[in-house]
Amino acid sequence: MKSRSSSLIASCLLAATALSLGACETSRYQAVKDDPTPNLDTLYQRPQDVDNALVVMWDENWRMFTQDLGRAFYVDRPSRLTREPVPQP
C-alpha cells in the first residue's frame, strides 16, 4: 500500500510540474510571438547601436558645419594681405 501511495504522490507532483511548466511555456511562447526580436530596434541594430550611430552623425554634422563656416568667412586659409610670404601648398 505504501508504494501505491508514494507512486500516486509522485504522479501528482509530476502532473503539477507539467501543468506549471506548460503555463510558463505558453506565456513564453506568447511573449516571443508578440515580439520575436525584443532587443532590436531596426532590422539589425540594438538600441545602443542606434544611439551610437546618432551620436556619430551629430558629431560629423557639427564638424562639417564648422568647416563650412570657416570656408564661408574665409578663415580656413591665411590672408593674402600679410607682409610675410604665405607658403603655397
N, C-alpha and C. Protein backbone atom coordinates (compact mmCIF):
# COMPACT_ATOMS: atom_id res chain seq x y z
N MET A 1 0.81 -1.19 0.00
CA MET A 1 0.00 0.00 0.00
C MET A 1 0.86 1.26 0.00
N LYS A 2 2.00 1.17 0.67
CA LYS A 2 2.86 2.33 0.76
C LYS A 2 3.42 2.70 -0.61
N SER A 3 3.77 1.73 -1.42
CA SER A 3 4.31 2.03 -2.74
C SER A 3 3.24 2.65 -3.64
N ARG A 4 2.00 2.22 -3.43
CA ARG A 4 0.91 2.78 -4.23
C ARG A 4 0.68 4.25 -3.90
N SER A 5 0.71 4.60 -2.61
CA SER A 5 0.50 6.00 -2.22
C SER A 5 1.69 6.86 -2.64
N SER A 6 2.90 6.32 -2.56
CA SER A 6 4.06 7.10 -2.98
C SER A 6 4.05 7.28 -4.50
N SER A 7 3.60 6.27 -5.26
CA SER A 7 3.53 6.45 -6.71
C SER A 7 2.42 7.43 -7.08
N LEU A 8 1.33 7.46 -6.29
CA LEU A 8 0.25 8.42 -6.51
C LEU A 8 0.73 9.84 -6.24
N ILE A 9 1.50 9.99 -5.17
CA ILE A 9 2.06 11.31 -4.84
C ILE A 9 3.05 11.74 -5.92
N ALA A 10 3.87 10.81 -6.36
CA ALA A 10 4.85 11.12 -7.41
C ALA A 10 4.15 11.52 -8.70
N SER A 11 3.08 10.79 -9.06
CA SER A 11 2.37 11.14 -10.29
C SER A 11 1.66 12.49 -10.15
N CYS A 12 1.15 12.79 -8.95
CA CYS A 12 0.52 14.10 -8.72
C CYS A 12 1.55 15.21 -8.84
N LEU A 13 2.73 15.01 -8.27
CA LEU A 13 3.79 16.01 -8.37
C LEU A 13 4.23 16.19 -9.81
N LEU A 14 4.32 15.09 -10.53
CA LEU A 14 4.70 15.16 -11.93
C LEU A 14 3.65 15.91 -12.74
N ALA A 15 2.39 15.65 -12.48
CA ALA A 15 1.31 16.35 -13.19
C ALA A 15 1.31 17.84 -12.86
N ALA A 16 1.52 18.17 -11.58
CA ALA A 16 1.56 19.57 -11.19
C ALA A 16 2.73 20.29 -11.83
N THR A 17 3.87 19.63 -11.90
CA THR A 17 5.05 20.21 -12.53
C THR A 17 4.80 20.42 -14.03
N ALA A 18 4.21 19.44 -14.67
CA ALA A 18 3.93 19.56 -16.10
C ALA A 18 2.96 20.69 -16.36
N LEU A 19 1.95 20.83 -15.52
CA LEU A 19 0.98 21.92 -15.70
C LEU A 19 1.63 23.28 -15.50
N SER A 20 2.47 23.39 -14.49
CA SER A 20 3.11 24.68 -14.24
C SER A 20 4.10 25.02 -15.34
N LEU A 21 4.82 24.01 -15.84
CA LEU A 21 5.73 24.28 -16.95
C LEU A 21 4.97 24.59 -18.22
N GLY A 22 3.86 23.95 -18.41
CA GLY A 22 3.04 24.23 -19.60
C GLY A 22 2.53 25.66 -19.59
N ALA A 23 2.12 26.14 -18.44
CA ALA A 23 1.64 27.52 -18.34
C ALA A 23 2.79 28.49 -18.58
N CYS A 24 3.95 28.15 -18.08
CA CYS A 24 5.12 29.01 -18.28
C CYS A 24 5.50 29.02 -19.75
N GLU A 25 5.49 27.87 -20.38
CA GLU A 25 5.83 27.79 -21.79
C GLU A 25 4.83 28.57 -22.64
N THR A 26 3.55 28.54 -22.26
CA THR A 26 2.55 29.27 -23.01
C THR A 26 2.80 30.77 -22.93
N SER A 27 3.13 31.28 -21.75
CA SER A 27 3.40 32.72 -21.62
C SER A 27 4.68 33.10 -22.35
N ARG A 28 5.70 32.23 -22.31
CA ARG A 28 6.93 32.49 -23.04
C ARG A 28 6.66 32.49 -24.54
N TYR A 29 5.86 31.54 -24.97
CA TYR A 29 5.51 31.47 -26.39
C TYR A 29 4.78 32.73 -26.82
N GLN A 30 3.87 33.18 -25.98
CA GLN A 30 3.11 34.39 -26.31
C GLN A 30 4.04 35.60 -26.36
N ALA A 31 5.00 35.66 -25.44
CA ALA A 31 5.94 36.78 -25.43
C ALA A 31 6.80 36.77 -26.69
N VAL A 32 7.26 35.60 -27.09
CA VAL A 32 8.08 35.51 -28.31
C VAL A 32 7.22 35.78 -29.54
N LYS A 33 5.98 35.31 -29.51
CA LYS A 33 5.08 35.54 -30.64
C LYS A 33 4.77 37.03 -30.79
N ASP A 34 4.62 37.74 -29.68
CA ASP A 34 4.33 39.17 -29.72
C ASP A 34 5.50 39.99 -30.24
N ASP A 35 6.73 39.62 -29.82
CA ASP A 35 7.92 40.37 -30.23
C ASP A 35 9.08 39.39 -30.38
N PRO A 36 9.30 38.84 -31.57
CA PRO A 36 10.35 37.84 -31.73
C PRO A 36 11.77 38.40 -31.58
N THR A 37 11.95 39.70 -31.77
CA THR A 37 13.28 40.30 -31.60
C THR A 37 13.17 41.47 -30.62
N PRO A 38 13.07 41.19 -29.34
CA PRO A 38 12.87 42.28 -28.38
C PRO A 38 14.08 43.19 -28.20
N ASN A 39 15.26 42.73 -28.57
CA ASN A 39 16.45 43.55 -28.33
C ASN A 39 16.90 44.29 -29.58
N LEU A 40 16.08 44.33 -30.64
CA LEU A 40 16.45 45.04 -31.85
C LEU A 40 15.47 46.18 -32.11
N ASP A 41 16.03 47.35 -32.45
CA ASP A 41 15.18 48.50 -32.81
C ASP A 41 14.97 48.57 -34.31
N THR A 42 16.02 48.25 -35.08
CA THR A 42 15.89 48.22 -36.53
C THR A 42 16.04 46.77 -36.97
N LEU A 43 16.28 46.55 -38.25
CA LEU A 43 16.41 45.17 -38.72
C LEU A 43 17.64 44.49 -38.16
N TYR A 44 18.67 45.24 -37.82
CA TYR A 44 19.90 44.61 -37.34
C TYR A 44 20.59 45.36 -36.20
N GLN A 45 20.02 46.44 -35.68
CA GLN A 45 20.69 47.25 -34.67
C GLN A 45 19.96 47.20 -33.34
N ARG A 46 20.78 47.09 -32.29
CA ARG A 46 20.25 47.19 -30.93
C ARG A 46 20.03 48.66 -30.60
N PRO A 47 19.31 48.97 -29.52
CA PRO A 47 19.12 50.38 -29.15
C PRO A 47 20.46 51.11 -28.94
N GLN A 48 21.45 50.43 -28.38
CA GLN A 48 22.76 51.06 -28.17
C GLN A 48 23.42 51.39 -29.51
N ASP A 49 23.24 50.51 -30.51
CA ASP A 49 23.83 50.78 -31.82
C ASP A 49 23.16 51.98 -32.49
N VAL A 50 21.86 52.09 -32.33
CA VAL A 50 21.13 53.24 -32.89
C VAL A 50 21.60 54.52 -32.22
N ASP A 51 21.72 54.51 -30.89
CA ASP A 51 22.20 55.70 -30.17
C ASP A 51 23.61 56.08 -30.60
N ASN A 52 24.47 55.08 -30.78
CA ASN A 52 25.84 55.35 -31.20
C ASN A 52 25.86 55.96 -32.60
N ALA A 53 25.05 55.45 -33.50
CA ALA A 53 25.00 56.00 -34.86
C ALA A 53 24.51 57.44 -34.84
N LEU A 54 23.54 57.75 -33.99
CA LEU A 54 23.04 59.13 -33.90
C LEU A 54 24.11 60.07 -33.36
N VAL A 55 24.86 59.63 -32.35
CA VAL A 55 25.92 60.48 -31.79
C VAL A 55 27.00 60.74 -32.84
N VAL A 56 27.39 59.70 -33.58
CA VAL A 56 28.40 59.87 -34.62
C VAL A 56 27.90 60.82 -35.71
N MET A 57 26.63 60.68 -36.09
CA MET A 57 26.05 61.55 -37.12
C MET A 57 26.05 63.01 -36.66
N TRP A 58 25.61 63.28 -35.42
CA TRP A 58 25.59 64.66 -34.92
C TRP A 58 27.00 65.23 -34.84
N ASP A 59 27.96 64.42 -34.41
CA ASP A 59 29.34 64.90 -34.30
C ASP A 59 29.90 65.24 -35.68
N GLU A 60 29.69 64.36 -36.66
CA GLU A 60 30.19 64.63 -38.01
C GLU A 60 29.51 65.85 -38.62
N ASN A 61 28.21 65.95 -38.43
CA ASN A 61 27.49 67.10 -38.99
C ASN A 61 27.98 68.41 -38.38
N TRP A 62 28.22 68.43 -37.06
CA TRP A 62 28.69 69.65 -36.41
C TRP A 62 30.08 70.03 -36.90
N ARG A 63 30.96 69.04 -37.06
CA ARG A 63 32.31 69.34 -37.55
C ARG A 63 32.27 69.83 -39.00
N MET A 64 31.40 69.23 -39.85
CA MET A 64 31.26 69.70 -41.23
C MET A 64 30.68 71.11 -41.28
N PHE A 65 29.72 71.41 -40.39
CA PHE A 65 29.13 72.75 -40.33
C PHE A 65 30.19 73.77 -39.95
N THR A 66 31.02 73.44 -38.96
CA THR A 66 32.10 74.35 -38.55
C THR A 66 33.08 74.57 -39.69
N GLN A 67 33.40 73.52 -40.41
CA GLN A 67 34.30 73.65 -41.55
C GLN A 67 33.67 74.51 -42.64
N ASP A 68 32.38 74.34 -42.89
CA ASP A 68 31.68 75.17 -43.89
C ASP A 68 31.68 76.64 -43.47
N LEU A 69 31.48 76.91 -42.18
CA LEU A 69 31.53 78.30 -41.72
C LEU A 69 32.92 78.90 -41.94
N GLY A 70 33.95 78.11 -41.70
CA GLY A 70 35.30 78.58 -41.95
C GLY A 70 35.51 78.96 -43.40
N ARG A 71 34.96 78.16 -44.31
CA ARG A 71 35.07 78.48 -45.73
C ARG A 71 34.23 79.70 -46.08
N ALA A 72 33.06 79.83 -45.48
CA ALA A 72 32.17 80.95 -45.81
C ALA A 72 32.76 82.28 -45.36
N PHE A 73 33.45 82.30 -44.22
CA PHE A 73 34.03 83.54 -43.70
C PHE A 73 35.51 83.66 -44.04
N TYR A 74 36.01 82.82 -44.92
CA TYR A 74 37.39 82.87 -45.39
C TYR A 74 38.40 82.80 -44.25
N VAL A 75 38.14 82.01 -43.25
CA VAL A 75 39.12 81.83 -42.18
C VAL A 75 39.76 80.45 -42.26
N ASP A 76 39.54 79.76 -43.34
CA ASP A 76 40.12 78.44 -43.48
C ASP A 76 41.49 78.47 -44.16
N ARG A 77 41.92 79.68 -44.58
CA ARG A 77 43.25 79.83 -45.20
C ARG A 77 43.84 81.16 -44.74
N PRO A 78 45.15 81.28 -44.81
CA PRO A 78 45.76 82.54 -44.37
C PRO A 78 45.41 83.70 -45.31
N SER A 79 45.46 84.87 -44.77
CA SER A 79 45.14 86.06 -45.55
C SER A 79 46.26 86.33 -46.56
N ARG A 80 45.91 86.84 -47.71
CA ARG A 80 46.90 87.21 -48.73
C ARG A 80 47.45 88.62 -48.48
N LEU A 81 46.94 89.29 -47.45
CA LEU A 81 47.35 90.66 -47.18
C LEU A 81 48.48 90.76 -46.17
N THR A 82 49.06 89.65 -45.78
CA THR A 82 50.13 89.70 -44.79
C THR A 82 51.44 90.18 -45.44
N ARG A 83 52.30 90.74 -44.62
CA ARG A 83 53.59 91.18 -45.12
C ARG A 83 54.53 90.02 -45.34
N GLU A 84 54.33 88.96 -44.55
CA GLU A 84 55.19 87.78 -44.67
C GLU A 84 54.72 86.94 -45.87
N PRO A 85 55.63 86.24 -46.48
CA PRO A 85 55.24 85.38 -47.60
C PRO A 85 54.38 84.21 -47.09
N VAL A 86 53.38 83.87 -47.85
CA VAL A 86 52.48 82.77 -47.50
C VAL A 86 52.96 81.51 -48.20
N PRO A 87 53.19 80.45 -47.46
CA PRO A 87 53.66 79.22 -48.13
C PRO A 87 52.55 78.64 -49.02
N GLN A 88 52.92 78.21 -50.17
CA GLN A 88 51.97 77.61 -51.11
C GLN A 88 51.97 76.10 -50.91
N PRO A 89 50.82 75.50 -50.89
CA PRO A 89 50.78 74.04 -50.71
C PRO A 89 51.20 73.28 -51.95
